[in-house]
Amino acid sequence: MVLTILSGCTSLPQVPAGVHPQPWHRSSGWFQPSCSSWSFSGKIGVRYHHHGTVAFLDWSHQKQTWDLDLSGPLNQNPLQIHGDTMQVQLQDATGHIWQAPGPDKLIQKAFGIELPASSLLDWMAGRPHQSSAQVWWDQNQNLAGMIDGSYQILYTQYHSEGPFMLPRRIDVSGPQLHLTLIVQAWTISSQCHPQL
């Protein structure tokens, strides 16, 4: 898997016209803190300026750990990433392993690029990374978007998964970055309950 970056300038994120953002008040995102595990599979596209990459992904979250498997078409160039409270580890298709204290430093170390990976872990769980984030909700009271630091995150498609309303599409825009995550399937532990 190859990530290509071109230098470029992207303006700071803007709140869509007609939207009135509010401070964040749902601290745990889609699920209550007691949720033991959840996972999803889908596709992710990452673009820097006019160049980027697309990959299939499987994401698994436990209380203290998470695992992310990425691969190209026909399982080409797979990457396996494991994280816990102490460190993050990445193994590429050749078996080479990188380790770092957190996902941002790991991506910088392995690929020489800067991605808001630690923020992305929160955005995928339906919560902002910074407490100062501004958020807004759609007419069904689903999280519709947020401005979190220098990034705009939009949740544009939802579907029901048991008692949950969960996103099908997440778009992230920021400096030099546009990321689109399409979720094809969620798997939620029976111990999990929707965040009120």
N, C-alpha and C. Protein backbone atom coordinates (compact mmCIF):
# COMPACT_ATOMS: atom_id res chain seq x y z
N MET A 1 0.84 -1.17 0.00
CA MET A 1 0.00 0.00 0.00
C MET A 1 0.89 1.24 0.00
N VAL A 2 0.63 2.16 -0.88
CA VAL A 2 1.47 3.34 -1.01
C VAL A 2 0.64 4.57 -0.71
N LEU A 3 1.13 5.40 0.17
CA LEU A 3 0.50 6.68 0.46
C LEU A 3 1.36 7.77 -0.17
N THR A 4 0.77 8.58 -1.01
CA THR A 4 1.51 9.62 -1.72
C THR A 4 1.04 10.98 -1.25
N ILE A 5 1.98 11.87 -0.98
CA ILE A 5 1.65 13.20 -0.49
C ILE A 5 2.23 14.25 -1.40
N LEU A 6 1.45 15.24 -1.71
CA LEU A 6 1.94 16.44 -2.36
C LEU A 6 1.68 17.60 -1.42
N SER A 7 2.61 18.52 -1.36
CA SER A 7 2.39 19.68 -0.52
C SER A 7 1.25 20.50 -1.11
N GLY A 8 0.47 21.09 -0.25
CA GLY A 8 -0.65 21.89 -0.71
C GLY A 8 -1.23 22.67 0.44
N CYS A 9 -2.15 23.54 0.15
CA CYS A 9 -2.72 24.39 1.17
C CYS A 9 -4.23 24.21 1.15
N THR A 10 -4.79 23.86 2.28
CA THR A 10 -6.23 23.72 2.42
C THR A 10 -6.70 24.69 3.49
N SER A 11 -7.77 25.43 3.20
CA SER A 11 -8.25 26.42 4.15
C SER A 11 -8.82 25.71 5.38
N LEU A 12 -8.95 26.46 6.45
CA LEU A 12 -9.50 25.92 7.68
C LEU A 12 -10.94 25.48 7.47
N PRO A 13 -11.40 24.46 8.18
CA PRO A 13 -12.76 23.95 7.96
C PRO A 13 -13.81 24.99 8.31
N GLN A 14 -14.91 24.92 7.58
CA GLN A 14 -16.01 25.84 7.77
C GLN A 14 -17.26 25.07 8.19
N VAL A 15 -18.06 25.69 9.05
CA VAL A 15 -19.36 25.13 9.40
C VAL A 15 -20.30 25.36 8.22
N PRO A 16 -21.03 24.33 7.77
CA PRO A 16 -21.95 24.51 6.65
C PRO A 16 -22.97 25.61 6.91
N ALA A 17 -23.39 26.28 5.85
CA ALA A 17 -24.36 27.36 5.97
C ALA A 17 -25.64 26.86 6.62
N GLY A 18 -26.19 27.66 7.51
CA GLY A 18 -27.44 27.32 8.16
C GLY A 18 -27.30 26.41 9.36
N VAL A 19 -26.07 25.97 9.66
CA VAL A 19 -25.83 25.07 10.79
C VAL A 19 -25.40 25.88 12.01
N HIS A 20 -25.92 25.53 13.17
CA HIS A 20 -25.58 26.21 14.41
C HIS A 20 -24.91 25.21 15.35
N PRO A 21 -23.58 25.16 15.34
CA PRO A 21 -22.87 24.15 16.15
C PRO A 21 -22.99 24.41 17.64
N GLN A 22 -22.80 23.34 18.40
CA GLN A 22 -22.89 23.39 19.85
C GLN A 22 -21.67 22.71 20.45
N PRO A 23 -21.37 22.99 21.72
CA PRO A 23 -20.29 22.25 22.38
C PRO A 23 -20.66 20.77 22.49
N TRP A 24 -19.65 19.92 22.51
CA TRP A 24 -19.86 18.48 22.63
C TRP A 24 -20.39 18.13 24.01
N HIS A 25 -21.36 17.21 24.09
CA HIS A 25 -21.91 16.83 25.39
C HIS A 25 -22.19 15.35 25.51
N ARG A 26 -21.83 14.54 24.49
CA ARG A 26 -22.04 13.09 24.58
C ARG A 26 -20.67 12.43 24.59
N SER A 27 -20.10 12.28 25.78
CA SER A 27 -18.67 11.98 25.91
C SER A 27 -18.25 10.64 25.32
N SER A 28 -19.14 9.65 25.25
CA SER A 28 -18.68 8.32 24.85
C SER A 28 -19.04 7.94 23.42
N GLY A 29 -19.58 8.84 22.64
CA GLY A 29 -19.85 8.55 21.25
C GLY A 29 -21.05 7.65 21.03
N TRP A 30 -20.93 6.70 20.08
CA TRP A 30 -22.08 5.86 19.73
C TRP A 30 -22.51 4.97 20.89
N PHE A 31 -21.54 4.53 21.71
CA PHE A 31 -21.82 3.48 22.69
C PHE A 31 -21.54 3.98 24.11
N GLN A 32 -22.21 3.36 25.09
CA GLN A 32 -21.93 3.68 26.48
C GLN A 32 -20.56 3.13 26.86
N PRO A 33 -19.92 3.72 27.91
CA PRO A 33 -18.56 3.30 28.30
C PRO A 33 -18.45 1.81 28.62
N SER A 34 -19.55 1.17 29.02
CA SER A 34 -19.50 -0.25 29.38
C SER A 34 -19.44 -1.16 28.15
N CYS A 35 -19.54 -0.60 26.95
CA CYS A 35 -19.51 -1.42 25.74
C CYS A 35 -18.19 -2.16 25.64
N SER A 36 -18.25 -3.49 25.58
CA SER A 36 -17.03 -4.29 25.65
C SER A 36 -16.32 -4.40 24.31
N SER A 37 -17.06 -4.49 23.21
CA SER A 37 -16.39 -4.64 21.92
C SER A 37 -17.32 -4.26 20.78
N TRP A 38 -16.73 -3.74 19.72
CA TRP A 38 -17.46 -3.46 18.49
C TRP A 38 -16.45 -3.47 17.34
N SER A 39 -16.96 -3.71 16.14
CA SER A 39 -16.07 -3.76 14.99
C SER A 39 -16.84 -3.38 13.74
N PHE A 40 -16.12 -3.06 12.69
CA PHE A 40 -16.75 -2.81 11.40
C PHE A 40 -15.77 -3.13 10.29
N SER A 41 -16.32 -3.33 9.10
CA SER A 41 -15.51 -3.53 7.90
C SER A 41 -16.01 -2.60 6.82
N GLY A 42 -15.11 -2.24 5.90
CA GLY A 42 -15.51 -1.34 4.84
C GLY A 42 -14.34 -0.93 3.98
N LYS A 43 -14.42 0.27 3.43
CA LYS A 43 -13.38 0.83 2.57
C LYS A 43 -12.98 2.20 3.08
N ILE A 44 -11.74 2.55 2.83
CA ILE A 44 -11.25 3.88 3.19
C ILE A 44 -10.47 4.46 2.03
N GLY A 45 -10.72 5.71 1.74
CA GLY A 45 -9.97 6.44 0.72
C GLY A 45 -9.28 7.63 1.35
N VAL A 46 -8.00 7.79 1.09
CA VAL A 46 -7.22 8.90 1.64
C VAL A 46 -6.61 9.67 0.48
N ARG A 47 -6.85 10.97 0.43
CA ARG A 47 -6.30 11.80 -0.63
C ARG A 47 -5.54 12.99 -0.05
N TYR A 48 -4.32 13.17 -0.49
CA TYR A 48 -3.52 14.36 -0.19
C TYR A 48 -3.43 15.17 -1.46
N HIS A 49 -4.04 16.34 -1.43
CA HIS A 49 -4.10 17.19 -2.61
C HIS A 49 -4.74 16.40 -3.73
N HIS A 50 -4.02 16.01 -4.79
CA HIS A 50 -4.63 15.26 -5.89
C HIS A 50 -4.17 13.81 -5.95
N HIS A 51 -3.48 13.34 -4.96
CA HIS A 51 -2.97 11.96 -4.97
C HIS A 51 -3.39 11.25 -3.70
N GLY A 52 -3.57 9.93 -3.79
CA GLY A 52 -3.98 9.21 -2.60
C GLY A 52 -4.07 7.72 -2.83
N THR A 53 -4.83 7.04 -1.98
CA THR A 53 -4.92 5.59 -2.04
C THR A 53 -6.28 5.15 -1.51
N VAL A 54 -6.66 3.94 -1.87
CA VAL A 54 -7.91 3.33 -1.40
C VAL A 54 -7.56 1.96 -0.83
N ALA A 55 -8.22 1.57 0.27
CA ALA A 55 -7.94 0.28 0.89
C ALA A 55 -9.21 -0.28 1.50
N PHE A 56 -9.22 -1.60 1.65
CA PHE A 56 -10.25 -2.27 2.43
C PHE A 56 -9.77 -2.32 3.89
N LEU A 57 -10.71 -2.25 4.82
CA LEU A 57 -10.29 -2.28 6.21
C LEU A 57 -11.23 -3.11 7.06
N ASP A 58 -10.67 -3.68 8.11
CA ASP A 58 -11.41 -4.34 9.18
C ASP A 58 -10.91 -3.76 10.49
N TRP A 59 -11.84 -3.19 11.24
CA TRP A 59 -11.51 -2.51 12.48
C TRP A 59 -12.18 -3.24 13.64
N SER A 60 -11.41 -3.56 14.69
CA SER A 60 -11.95 -4.24 15.86
C SER A 60 -11.52 -3.48 17.11
N HIS A 61 -12.48 -3.15 17.95
CA HIS A 61 -12.21 -2.37 19.16
C HIS A 61 -12.62 -3.16 20.39
N GLN A 62 -11.68 -3.31 21.31
CA GLN A 62 -11.96 -3.88 22.63
C GLN A 62 -11.81 -2.75 23.65
N LYS A 63 -12.03 -3.04 24.92
CA LYS A 63 -12.00 -1.98 25.93
C LYS A 63 -10.66 -1.27 25.99
N GLN A 64 -9.57 -2.03 25.95
CA GLN A 64 -8.24 -1.44 26.09
C GLN A 64 -7.37 -1.61 24.85
N THR A 65 -7.87 -2.28 23.83
CA THR A 65 -7.05 -2.54 22.65
C THR A 65 -7.88 -2.32 21.38
N TRP A 66 -7.19 -2.17 20.26
CA TRP A 66 -7.85 -2.09 18.97
C TRP A 66 -6.94 -2.68 17.90
N ASP A 67 -7.55 -3.20 16.85
CA ASP A 67 -6.82 -3.80 15.74
C ASP A 67 -7.39 -3.28 14.43
N LEU A 68 -6.50 -2.96 13.50
CA LEU A 68 -6.89 -2.47 12.19
C LEU A 68 -6.12 -3.22 11.12
N ASP A 69 -6.85 -3.89 10.23
CA ASP A 69 -6.25 -4.58 9.09
C ASP A 69 -6.60 -3.82 7.83
N LEU A 70 -5.59 -3.47 7.05
CA LEU A 70 -5.77 -2.74 5.79
C LEU A 70 -5.18 -3.55 4.66
N SER A 71 -5.84 -3.51 3.50
CA SER A 71 -5.29 -4.20 2.34
C SER A 71 -5.85 -3.58 1.07
N GLY A 72 -5.12 -3.75 -0.02
CA GLY A 72 -5.59 -3.31 -1.31
C GLY A 72 -6.46 -4.38 -1.96
N PRO A 73 -6.86 -4.17 -3.21
CA PRO A 73 -7.65 -5.18 -3.91
C PRO A 73 -6.95 -6.53 -3.92
N LEU A 74 -7.74 -7.61 -3.80
CA LEU A 74 -7.22 -8.98 -3.76
C LEU A 74 -6.20 -9.17 -2.63
N ASN A 75 -6.42 -8.44 -1.54
CA ASN A 75 -5.58 -8.54 -0.34
C ASN A 75 -4.11 -8.17 -0.61
N GLN A 76 -3.88 -7.23 -1.51
CA GLN A 76 -2.53 -6.80 -1.82
C GLN A 76 -1.97 -5.91 -0.72
N ASN A 77 -0.69 -6.04 -0.47
CA ASN A 77 0.06 -5.18 0.45
C ASN A 77 -0.65 -4.98 1.79
N PRO A 78 -0.98 -6.06 2.50
CA PRO A 78 -1.71 -5.91 3.76
C PRO A 78 -0.87 -5.24 4.85
N LEU A 79 -1.55 -4.48 5.68
CA LEU A 79 -0.96 -3.88 6.88
C LEU A 79 -1.79 -4.31 8.08
N GLN A 80 -1.12 -4.66 9.17
CA GLN A 80 -1.80 -5.00 10.41
C GLN A 80 -1.31 -4.05 11.49
N ILE A 81 -2.26 -3.38 12.14
CA ILE A 81 -1.94 -2.41 13.18
C ILE A 81 -2.65 -2.82 14.46
N HIS A 82 -1.90 -2.86 15.54
CA HIS A 82 -2.46 -3.19 16.86
C HIS A 82 -2.09 -2.08 17.83
N GLY A 83 -3.08 -1.64 18.61
CA GLY A 83 -2.82 -0.58 19.58
C GLY A 83 -3.40 -0.92 20.93
N ASP A 84 -2.74 -0.42 21.97
CA ASP A 84 -3.26 -0.51 23.33
C ASP A 84 -2.90 0.78 24.05
N THR A 85 -3.03 0.80 25.37
CA THR A 85 -2.79 2.03 26.11
C THR A 85 -1.32 2.41 26.20
N MET A 86 -0.42 1.48 25.84
CA MET A 86 1.02 1.72 25.97
C MET A 86 1.70 2.04 24.65
N GLN A 87 1.30 1.36 23.55
CA GLN A 87 1.99 1.56 22.29
C GLN A 87 1.13 1.07 21.13
N VAL A 88 1.59 1.41 19.92
CA VAL A 88 0.95 0.95 18.70
C VAL A 88 2.00 0.24 17.86
N GLN A 89 1.61 -0.86 17.23
CA GLN A 89 2.53 -1.66 16.43
C GLN A 89 1.96 -1.89 15.04
N LEU A 90 2.78 -1.72 14.02
CA LEU A 90 2.38 -1.93 12.63
C LEU A 90 3.27 -2.98 12.01
N GLN A 91 2.66 -3.95 11.30
CA GLN A 91 3.41 -4.95 10.55
C GLN A 91 2.99 -4.88 9.09
N ASP A 92 3.98 -4.76 8.19
CA ASP A 92 3.66 -4.66 6.77
C ASP A 92 3.71 -6.03 6.10
N ALA A 93 3.52 -6.05 4.78
CA ALA A 93 3.43 -7.31 4.03
C ALA A 93 4.74 -8.10 4.05
N THR A 94 5.87 -7.42 4.29
CA THR A 94 7.16 -8.11 4.33
C THR A 94 7.46 -8.68 5.71
N GLY A 95 6.62 -8.37 6.70
CA GLY A 95 6.87 -8.81 8.06
C GLY A 95 7.60 -7.80 8.91
N HIS A 96 7.99 -6.66 8.30
CA HIS A 96 8.68 -5.62 9.07
C HIS A 96 7.71 -5.00 10.07
N ILE A 97 8.21 -4.72 11.27
CA ILE A 97 7.38 -4.21 12.36
C ILE A 97 7.89 -2.84 12.82
N TRP A 98 6.97 -1.89 12.93
CA TRP A 98 7.26 -0.59 13.53
C TRP A 98 6.48 -0.48 14.84
N GLN A 99 7.07 0.21 15.81
CA GLN A 99 6.40 0.46 17.08
C GLN A 99 6.56 1.93 17.45
N ALA A 100 5.55 2.48 18.12
CA ALA A 100 5.60 3.87 18.56
C ALA A 100 4.62 4.04 19.72
N PRO A 101 4.77 5.10 20.50
CA PRO A 101 3.87 5.31 21.66
C PRO A 101 2.42 5.56 21.27
N GLY A 102 2.19 6.07 20.06
CA GLY A 102 0.82 6.36 19.63
C GLY A 102 0.70 6.28 18.13
N PRO A 103 -0.54 6.29 17.61
CA PRO A 103 -0.74 6.10 16.17
C PRO A 103 -0.17 7.22 15.31
N ASP A 104 -0.23 8.47 15.77
CA ASP A 104 0.33 9.57 14.98
C ASP A 104 1.82 9.38 14.76
N LYS A 105 2.54 9.05 15.83
CA LYS A 105 3.99 8.86 15.73
C LYS A 105 4.31 7.61 14.91
N LEU A 106 3.45 6.60 15.00
CA LEU A 106 3.69 5.38 14.23
C LEU A 106 3.60 5.66 12.73
N ILE A 107 2.56 6.38 12.30
CA ILE A 107 2.40 6.71 10.89
C ILE A 107 3.58 7.57 10.41
N GLN A 108 3.99 8.52 11.24
CA GLN A 108 5.14 9.36 10.90
C GLN A 108 6.41 8.51 10.75
N LYS A 109 6.58 7.56 11.65
CA LYS A 109 7.77 6.71 11.65
C LYS A 109 7.78 5.75 10.46
N ALA A 110 6.62 5.14 10.17
CA ALA A 110 6.56 4.12 9.13
C ALA A 110 6.51 4.71 7.72
N PHE A 111 5.80 5.84 7.56
CA PHE A 111 5.58 6.38 6.22
C PHE A 111 6.17 7.77 6.00
N GLY A 112 6.64 8.40 7.09
CA GLY A 112 7.19 9.74 6.97
C GLY A 112 6.15 10.80 6.67
N ILE A 113 4.92 10.57 7.07
CA ILE A 113 3.84 11.52 6.82
C ILE A 113 3.11 11.84 8.12
N GLU A 114 2.33 12.90 8.08
CA GLU A 114 1.56 13.31 9.24
C GLU A 114 0.08 13.12 8.96
N LEU A 115 -0.55 12.25 9.73
CA LEU A 115 -1.99 12.02 9.67
C LEU A 115 -2.57 12.14 11.08
N PRO A 116 -3.79 12.65 11.21
CA PRO A 116 -4.40 12.76 12.54
C PRO A 116 -4.96 11.41 12.99
N ALA A 117 -4.09 10.40 13.09
CA ALA A 117 -4.55 9.03 13.35
C ALA A 117 -5.23 8.91 14.72
N SER A 118 -4.67 9.54 15.75
CA SER A 118 -5.28 9.43 17.07
C SER A 118 -6.65 10.11 17.09
N SER A 119 -6.79 11.20 16.35
CA SER A 119 -8.10 11.86 16.24
C SER A 119 -9.07 10.96 15.50
N LEU A 120 -8.59 10.28 14.46
CA LEU A 120 -9.45 9.41 13.67
C LEU A 120 -10.04 8.28 14.52
N LEU A 121 -9.28 7.81 15.49
CA LEU A 121 -9.79 6.76 16.39
C LEU A 121 -11.04 7.26 17.12
N ASP A 122 -11.05 8.52 17.51
CA ASP A 122 -12.22 9.10 18.17
C ASP A 122 -13.34 9.36 17.18
N TRP A 123 -13.01 9.91 16.02
CA TRP A 123 -14.06 10.23 15.03
C TRP A 123 -14.80 9.00 14.58
N MET A 124 -14.10 7.87 14.45
CA MET A 124 -14.75 6.62 14.05
C MET A 124 -15.68 6.10 15.14
N ALA A 125 -15.44 6.51 16.39
CA ALA A 125 -16.29 6.09 17.50
C ALA A 125 -17.41 7.08 17.78
N GLY A 126 -17.50 8.15 16.97
CA GLY A 126 -18.58 9.11 17.11
C GLY A 126 -18.37 10.15 18.17
N ARG A 127 -17.13 10.56 18.38
CA ARG A 127 -16.85 11.60 19.36
C ARG A 127 -15.67 12.44 18.87
N PRO A 128 -15.58 13.71 19.30
CA PRO A 128 -14.45 14.54 18.90
C PRO A 128 -13.19 14.16 19.68
N HIS A 129 -12.05 14.58 19.16
CA HIS A 129 -10.78 14.34 19.82
C HIS A 129 -10.49 15.43 20.84
N GLN A 130 -10.90 16.64 20.55
CA GLN A 130 -10.64 17.78 21.44
C GLN A 130 -11.94 18.20 22.12
N SER A 131 -11.83 18.54 23.40
CA SER A 131 -13.02 18.95 24.16
C SER A 131 -13.59 20.27 23.66
N SER A 132 -12.81 21.03 22.92
CA SER A 132 -13.26 22.32 22.40
C SER A 132 -14.02 22.20 21.08
N ALA A 133 -14.20 20.98 20.57
CA ALA A 133 -14.86 20.78 19.29
C ALA A 133 -16.28 21.33 19.30
N GLN A 134 -16.71 21.76 18.12
CA GLN A 134 -18.09 22.20 17.91
C GLN A 134 -18.79 21.16 17.06
N VAL A 135 -20.01 20.78 17.45
CA VAL A 135 -20.73 19.70 16.77
C VAL A 135 -22.13 20.15 16.40
N TRP A 136 -22.74 19.42 15.47
CA TRP A 136 -24.13 19.67 15.14
C TRP A 136 -24.82 18.34 14.82
N TRP A 137 -26.17 18.35 14.90
CA TRP A 137 -26.97 17.14 14.80
C TRP A 137 -27.97 17.30 13.67
N ASP A 138 -28.38 16.16 13.08
CA ASP A 138 -29.38 16.23 12.02
C ASP A 138 -30.78 16.23 12.64
N GLN A 139 -31.82 16.23 11.80
CA GLN A 139 -33.19 16.33 12.30
C GLN A 139 -33.62 15.11 13.11
N ASN A 140 -32.88 13.99 12.95
CA ASN A 140 -33.16 12.79 13.73
C ASN A 140 -32.29 12.67 14.97
N GLN A 141 -31.56 13.74 15.29
CA GLN A 141 -30.66 13.78 16.43
C GLN A 141 -29.49 12.82 16.30
N ASN A 142 -29.10 12.51 15.09
CA ASN A 142 -27.85 11.80 14.84
C ASN A 142 -26.74 12.82 14.65
N LEU A 143 -25.54 12.46 15.07
CA LEU A 143 -24.40 13.34 14.88
C LEU A 143 -24.20 13.58 13.38
N ALA A 144 -24.27 14.85 12.95
CA ALA A 144 -24.15 15.17 11.52
C ALA A 144 -22.76 15.67 11.16
N GLY A 145 -22.08 16.33 12.11
CA GLY A 145 -20.75 16.83 11.78
C GLY A 145 -20.11 17.52 12.95
N MET A 146 -18.84 17.84 12.79
CA MET A 146 -18.10 18.56 13.83
C MET A 146 -16.91 19.29 13.22
N ILE A 147 -16.52 20.33 13.90
CA ILE A 147 -15.25 21.00 13.64
C ILE A 147 -14.36 20.68 14.83
N ASP A 148 -13.30 19.93 14.57
CA ASP A 148 -12.41 19.45 15.64
C ASP A 148 -10.99 19.90 15.28
N GLY A 149 -10.54 20.97 15.93
CA GLY A 149 -9.24 21.53 15.57
C GLY A 149 -9.28 22.06 14.15
N SER A 150 -8.37 21.62 13.31
CA SER A 150 -8.30 22.08 11.92
C SER A 150 -8.98 21.12 10.96
N TYR A 151 -9.91 20.28 11.47
CA TYR A 151 -10.58 19.29 10.63
C TYR A 151 -12.09 19.43 10.71
N GLN A 152 -12.74 19.17 9.58
CA GLN A 152 -14.19 19.06 9.53
C GLN A 152 -14.55 17.59 9.30
N ILE A 153 -15.45 17.07 10.12
CA ILE A 153 -15.88 15.68 10.01
C ILE A 153 -17.37 15.67 9.75
N LEU A 154 -17.80 14.99 8.69
CA LEU A 154 -19.21 14.91 8.32
C LEU A 154 -19.67 13.45 8.36
N TYR A 155 -20.81 13.23 9.01
CA TYR A 155 -21.45 11.91 9.06
C TYR A 155 -22.70 12.02 8.19
N THR A 156 -22.61 11.52 6.96
CA THR A 156 -23.63 11.87 5.97
C THR A 156 -24.64 10.77 5.70
N GLN A 157 -24.38 9.55 6.13
CA GLN A 157 -25.33 8.46 5.92
C GLN A 157 -25.39 7.60 7.18
N TYR A 158 -26.62 7.25 7.59
CA TYR A 158 -26.82 6.39 8.75
C TYR A 158 -27.70 5.20 8.37
N HIS A 159 -27.61 4.14 9.19
CA HIS A 159 -28.55 3.04 9.06
C HIS A 159 -28.74 2.42 10.44
N SER A 160 -29.83 1.68 10.62
CA SER A 160 -30.11 1.06 11.92
C SER A 160 -29.38 -0.27 12.03
N GLU A 161 -28.80 -0.51 13.19
CA GLU A 161 -28.11 -1.76 13.50
C GLU A 161 -28.61 -2.19 14.87
N GLY A 162 -29.70 -2.99 14.90
CA GLY A 162 -30.34 -3.30 16.17
C GLY A 162 -30.87 -2.03 16.80
N PRO A 163 -30.51 -1.75 18.07
CA PRO A 163 -30.99 -0.54 18.73
C PRO A 163 -30.19 0.72 18.37
N PHE A 164 -29.15 0.55 17.54
CA PHE A 164 -28.25 1.66 17.24
C PHE A 164 -28.57 2.30 15.88
N MET A 165 -28.31 3.60 15.78
CA MET A 165 -28.20 4.28 14.50
C MET A 165 -26.72 4.58 14.32
N LEU A 166 -26.11 3.95 13.30
CA LEU A 166 -24.67 4.04 13.10
C LEU A 166 -24.36 4.55 11.70
N PRO A 167 -23.23 5.25 11.55
CA PRO A 167 -22.94 5.85 10.25
C PRO A 167 -22.48 4.84 9.21
N ARG A 168 -22.86 5.11 7.97
CA ARG A 168 -22.37 4.35 6.83
C ARG A 168 -21.22 5.09 6.14
N ARG A 169 -21.20 6.41 6.28
CA ARG A 169 -20.18 7.20 5.59
C ARG A 169 -19.68 8.31 6.52
N ILE A 170 -18.35 8.46 6.57
CA ILE A 170 -17.70 9.52 7.33
C ILE A 170 -16.70 10.21 6.40
N ASP A 171 -16.80 11.54 6.30
CA ASP A 171 -15.87 12.32 5.48
C ASP A 171 -15.08 13.25 6.37
N VAL A 172 -13.77 13.23 6.22
CA VAL A 172 -12.87 14.09 7.00
C VAL A 172 -12.10 14.99 6.04
N SER A 173 -12.11 16.30 6.30
CA SER A 173 -11.37 17.25 5.49
C SER A 173 -10.51 18.12 6.40
N GLY A 174 -9.27 18.35 5.99
CA GLY A 174 -8.35 19.18 6.76
C GLY A 174 -7.15 19.54 5.93
N PRO A 175 -6.12 20.08 6.56
CA PRO A 175 -4.91 20.49 5.83
C PRO A 175 -4.33 19.34 5.01
N GLN A 176 -4.32 19.49 3.69
CA GLN A 176 -3.77 18.53 2.75
C GLN A 176 -4.50 17.19 2.73
N LEU A 177 -5.61 17.07 3.43
CA LEU A 177 -6.22 15.75 3.63
C LEU A 177 -7.70 15.74 3.27
N HIS A 178 -8.12 14.71 2.56
CA HIS A 178 -9.55 14.35 2.49
C HIS A 178 -9.63 12.84 2.64
N LEU A 179 -10.41 12.41 3.60
CA LEU A 179 -10.54 10.98 3.91
C LEU A 179 -12.01 10.61 3.88
N THR A 180 -12.33 9.51 3.22
CA THR A 180 -13.70 9.00 3.17
C THR A 180 -13.71 7.56 3.68
N LEU A 181 -14.55 7.31 4.65
CA LEU A 181 -14.72 5.97 5.21
C LEU A 181 -16.13 5.48 4.90
N ILE A 182 -16.23 4.36 4.21
CA ILE A 182 -17.52 3.73 3.91
C ILE A 182 -17.60 2.44 4.72
N VAL A 183 -18.56 2.38 5.64
CA VAL A 183 -18.75 1.19 6.48
C VAL A 183 -19.73 0.25 5.79
N GLN A 184 -19.31 -0.98 5.58
CA GLN A 184 -20.18 -1.97 4.94
C GLN A 184 -20.92 -2.83 5.95
N ALA A 185 -20.33 -3.06 7.13
CA ALA A 185 -20.98 -3.90 8.15
C ALA A 185 -20.44 -3.56 9.52
N TRP A 186 -21.33 -3.44 10.50
CA TRP A 186 -20.98 -3.27 11.90
C TRP A 186 -21.25 -4.58 12.64
N THR A 187 -20.43 -4.86 13.67
CA THR A 187 -20.67 -5.97 14.59
C THR A 187 -20.56 -5.43 16.01
N ILE A 188 -21.63 -5.53 16.77
CA ILE A 188 -21.70 -4.91 18.09
C ILE A 188 -21.92 -5.99 19.15
N SER A 189 -21.15 -5.93 20.24
CA SER A 189 -21.32 -6.86 21.34
C SER A 189 -22.71 -6.74 21.94
N SER A 190 -23.26 -7.86 22.40
CA SER A 190 -24.58 -7.85 23.03
C SER A 190 -24.59 -7.07 24.34
N GLN A 191 -23.41 -6.80 24.90
CA GLN A 191 -23.30 -6.04 26.13
C GLN A 191 -23.38 -4.53 25.87
N CYS A 192 -23.36 -4.12 24.63
CA CYS A 192 -23.36 -2.70 24.29
C CYS A 192 -24.77 -2.15 24.22
N HIS A 193 -24.89 -0.90 24.62
CA HIS A 193 -26.17 -0.20 24.59
C HIS A 193 -25.96 1.18 23.98
N PRO A 194 -26.98 1.73 23.31
CA PRO A 194 -26.83 3.06 22.70
C PRO A 194 -26.55 4.12 23.75
N GLN A 195 -25.73 5.09 23.36
CA GLN A 195 -25.48 6.23 24.23
C GLN A 195 -26.70 7.14 24.19
N LEU A 196 -27.23 7.49 25.35
CA LEU A 196 -28.42 8.34 25.43
C LEU A 196 -28.05 9.80 25.23
